[in-house]
Amino acid sequence: MKWPEGTHLLAVDRSFDMIEFAWAGANVADAKVVCGDWCDLPLADNSRDLIVGDGCMLVFDYPASFERALQSFHRVLVPGGLLSHRFFLSPEKKESPDTVFDDLRAGRIGSFHLFKWRLAMALQPSVEEGVRLGDVWSNWHDAIPDAKRLSEKLNWPLETVTSIDFYRDSDTRFIYPTLAEVQSAVLPYFKELERHVPEYEGGERFQTILFEAL
């Protein structure tokens, strides 16, 4: 990603393991990474012009931690500062897990990753409860016990299909709010400027929204 000359870039993640795995520096002279909590960013008030996130809100419980993160973003941004974030959104009209598996078996889902997201969203009882990743795996395994056969049928790489095994026995919970639930939480702190809906399959579930701090 190209940044304007003179940019100071700070990356924040709560996991040392993720930092070691993902951080490869940036094409910015003044760039660094710190281990920190997005709900309590290690930054001074009104010290940043822009915050960028990609799916980071997945791991926050809703509405409490979700709102604390928004408060943290608002605190460190200058007045009128910008927040750009890609949200993973449940559809307003919820689909059933059976519908997702029917589409999978019929070859109506273009990628395994989209299938995983759709299944997780379908299994979420509510955004307040989220969905346990171990439960996503259990539902997958019960419905599709032979991953190799599925990968051959759909011509998907087996290593891609078996990537869902990372969910096995995981107590981590992800949340998938609807667009309306995101907008309701954001409204006290930010004004929505624009939304980007990708043109790829299922893009309406992965919208990037640009907000301005109030």
Foldseek 3Di string as FASTA:
>chain_A
DDDDAPDAEEAEAQDPVVCVVPDPDDPHPRYDYDHDDLLADPAAFQADQEAEEEQPQFQAAPPVSVLSSLVNVLRRHHAFGKYKYWAQAAEPDADALVVLVVCLVVLVDDAVVVSLSNNQSNPQPALNRAGQLQVSVVVVCVSCVDLPVSCVVNVHDSVRSCVSVVSHPGRRGTGHHHPVSVCVSNVVFWDWDDKDQDPDPPSNRTIITMTTTD
